[in-house]
Amino acid sequence: MFYRYLQRQAHEQPVIFYSCVIGLIGPLIVVTVPPIRKSMGWQYAERLPTTYPGMQLPISLAPLSHPYTVPNRPRVQLTGYDD
């Protein structure tokens, strides 16, 4: 009975029917896609640096290890791009 109703709606009001189908698929994708990505070896992108080079954070604000800090080295001057 429910199948016949859905079939009729798909023929009589396809826009509403398919928008409901897409809306119902969304939460299913949220639950199923991350484990599939993980099983295929997908990893998140590396985090961007969040501190200024050479900036020392107080102990209370510093993470346990600073893997995402910008290296403390002199900046290389670009050449060839002068206006």
C-alpha atoms as a PDB file:
ATOM      1  CA  MET A   1       0.000   0.000   0.000  1.00  0.00           C
ATOM      2  CA  PHE A   2       2.763   2.438   0.935  1.00  0.00           C
ATOM      3  CA  TYR A   3       4.722   1.459  -2.185  1.00  0.00           C
ATOM      4  CA  ARG A   4       1.755   2.261  -4.428  1.00  0.00           C
ATOM      5  CA  TYR A   5       1.362   5.656  -2.741  1.00  0.00           C
ATOM      6  CA  LEU A   6       5.043   6.453  -3.318  1.00  0.00           C
ATOM      7  CA  GLN A   7       4.791   5.285  -6.916  1.00  0.00           C
ATOM      8  CA  ARG A   8       1.764   7.498  -7.507  1.00  0.00           C
ATOM      9  CA  GLN A   9       3.474  10.503  -5.911  1.00  0.00           C
ATOM     10  CA  ALA A  10       6.567   9.913  -8.056  1.00  0.00           C
ATOM     11  CA  HIS A  11       4.396  10.155 -11.166  1.00  0.00           C
ATOM     12  CA  GLU A  12       2.055  12.950 -10.087  1.00  0.00           C
ATOM     13  CA  GLN A  13       4.424  15.169  -8.082  1.00  0.00           C
ATOM     14  CA  PRO A  14       7.985  14.135  -8.956  1.00  0.00           C
ATOM     15  CA  VAL A  15       9.637  17.279  -7.583  1.00  0.00           C
ATOM     16  CA  ILE A  16       8.211  16.800  -4.102  1.00  0.00           C
ATOM     17  CA  PHE A  17       8.830  13.041  -4.174  1.00  0.00           C
ATOM     18  CA  TYR A  18      12.492  13.260  -5.191  1.00  0.00           C
ATOM     19  CA  SER A  19      13.214  16.152  -2.831  1.00  0.00           C
ATOM     20  CA  CYS A  20      11.914  13.963   0.015  1.00  0.00           C
ATOM     21  CA  VAL A  21      14.047  11.041  -1.194  1.00  0.00           C
ATOM     22  CA  ILE A  22      17.176  13.212  -1.274  1.00  0.00           C
ATOM     23  CA  GLY A  23      16.305  14.617   2.157  1.00  0.00           C
ATOM     24  CA  LEU A  24      16.010  11.110   3.592  1.00  0.00           C
ATOM     25  CA  ILE A  25      19.285   9.953   2.025  1.00  0.00           C
ATOM     26  CA  GLY A  26      21.268  12.793   3.674  1.00  0.00           C
ATOM     27  CA  PRO A  27      21.344  11.418   7.247  1.00  0.00           C
ATOM     28  CA  LEU A  28      22.113   7.947   5.895  1.00  0.00           C
ATOM     29  CA  ILE A  29      25.156   9.320   4.059  1.00  0.00           C
ATOM     30  CA  VAL A  30      26.377  11.097   7.209  1.00  0.00           C
ATOM     31  CA  VAL A  31      26.413   7.762   9.037  1.00  0.00           C
ATOM     32  CA  THR A  32      27.829   5.530   6.279  1.00  0.00           C
ATOM     33  CA  VAL A  33      30.400   7.584   4.349  1.00  0.00           C
ATOM     34  CA  PRO A  34      33.048   8.246   7.084  1.00  0.00           C
ATOM     35  CA  PRO A  35      33.630   4.532   7.854  1.00  0.00           C
ATOM     36  CA  ILE A  36      33.875   3.778   4.123  1.00  0.00           C
ATOM     37  CA  ARG A  37      36.404   6.588   3.646  1.00  0.00           C
ATOM     38  CA  LYS A  38      38.428   5.339   6.616  1.00  0.00           C
ATOM     39  CA  SER A  39      38.478   1.787   5.226  1.00  0.00           C
ATOM     40  CA  MET A  40      39.832   3.132   1.916  1.00  0.00           C
ATOM     41  CA  GLY A  41      42.701   4.946   3.658  1.00  0.00           C
ATOM     42  CA  TRP A  42      41.357   8.490   3.370  1.00  0.00           C
ATOM     43  CA  GLN A  43      42.845  10.929   5.891  1.00  0.00           C
ATOM     44  CA  TYR A  44      42.027  14.466   6.899  1.00  0.00           C
ATOM     45  CA  ALA A  45      44.163  17.239   5.439  1.00  0.00           C
ATOM     46  CA  GLU A  46      47.064  18.437   7.551  1.00  0.00           C
ATOM     47  CA  ARG A  47      46.099  21.271   9.878  1.00  0.00           C
ATOM     48  CA  LEU A  48      47.247  24.801   9.077  1.00  0.00           C
ATOM     49  CA  PRO A  49      49.725  26.547  11.395  1.00  0.00           C
ATOM     50  CA  THR A  50      47.955  28.548  14.082  1.00  0.00           C
ATOM     51  CA  THR A  51      50.859  30.416  15.677  1.00  0.00           C
ATOM     52  CA  TYR A  52      53.214  33.106  14.480  1.00  0.00           C
ATOM     53  CA  PRO A  53      56.834  31.982  13.915  1.00  0.00           C
ATOM     54  CA  GLY A  54      58.868  32.185  17.106  1.00  0.00           C
ATOM     55  CA  MET A  55      55.842  32.974  19.258  1.00  0.00           C
ATOM     56  CA  GLN A  56      56.066  31.332  22.675  1.00  0.00           C
ATOM     57  CA  LEU A  57      52.759  30.359  24.235  1.00  0.00           C
ATOM     58  CA  PRO A  58      52.242  30.251  27.988  1.00  0.00           C
ATOM     59  CA  ILE A  59      52.327  26.723  29.408  1.00  0.00           C
ATOM     60  CA  SER A  60      48.572  26.831  30.060  1.00  0.00           C
ATOM     61  CA  LEU A  61      47.802  27.620  26.389  1.00  0.00           C
ATOM     62  CA  ALA A  62      50.472  25.486  24.755  1.00  0.00           C
ATOM     63  CA  PRO A  63      49.517  22.050  23.484  1.00  0.00           C
ATOM     64  CA  LEU A  64      51.562  19.095  24.733  1.00  0.00           C
ATOM     65  CA  SER A  65      53.626  19.058  21.549  1.00  0.00           C
ATOM     66  CA  HIS A  66      53.682  21.769  18.895  1.00  0.00           C
ATOM     67  CA  PRO A  67      53.248  19.809  15.652  1.00  0.00           C
ATOM     68  CA  TYR A  68      51.476  22.627  13.812  1.00  0.00           C
ATOM     69  CA  THR A  69      53.674  25.648  14.549  1.00  0.00           C
ATOM     70  CA  VAL A  70      55.323  27.645  11.774  1.00  0.00           C
ATOM     71  CA  PRO A  71      59.101  27.019  11.590  1.00  0.00           C
ATOM     72  CA  ASN A  72      61.311  29.660  13.218  1.00  0.00           C
ATOM     73  CA  ARG A  73      63.659  30.504  10.327  1.00  0.00           C
ATOM     74  CA  PRO A  74      64.402  33.565   8.207  1.00  0.00           C
ATOM     75  CA  ARG A  75      61.924  34.219   5.435  1.00  0.00           C
ATOM     76  CA  VAL A  76      63.140  33.856   1.859  1.00  0.00           C
ATOM     77  CA  GLN A  77      62.798  37.083  -0.121  1.00  0.00           C
ATOM     78  CA  LEU A  78      60.897  36.606  -3.400  1.00  0.00           C
ATOM     79  CA  THR A  79      62.432  37.948  -6.594  1.00  0.00           C
ATOM     80  CA  GLY A  80      61.001  38.439 -10.046  1.00  0.00           C
ATOM     81  CA  TYR A  81      57.547  39.618  -9.018  1.00  0.00           C
ATOM     82  CA  ASP A  82      58.232  43.363  -8.741  1.00  0.00           C
ATOM     83  CA  ASP A  83      55.724  45.744 -10.297  1.00  0.00           C
END
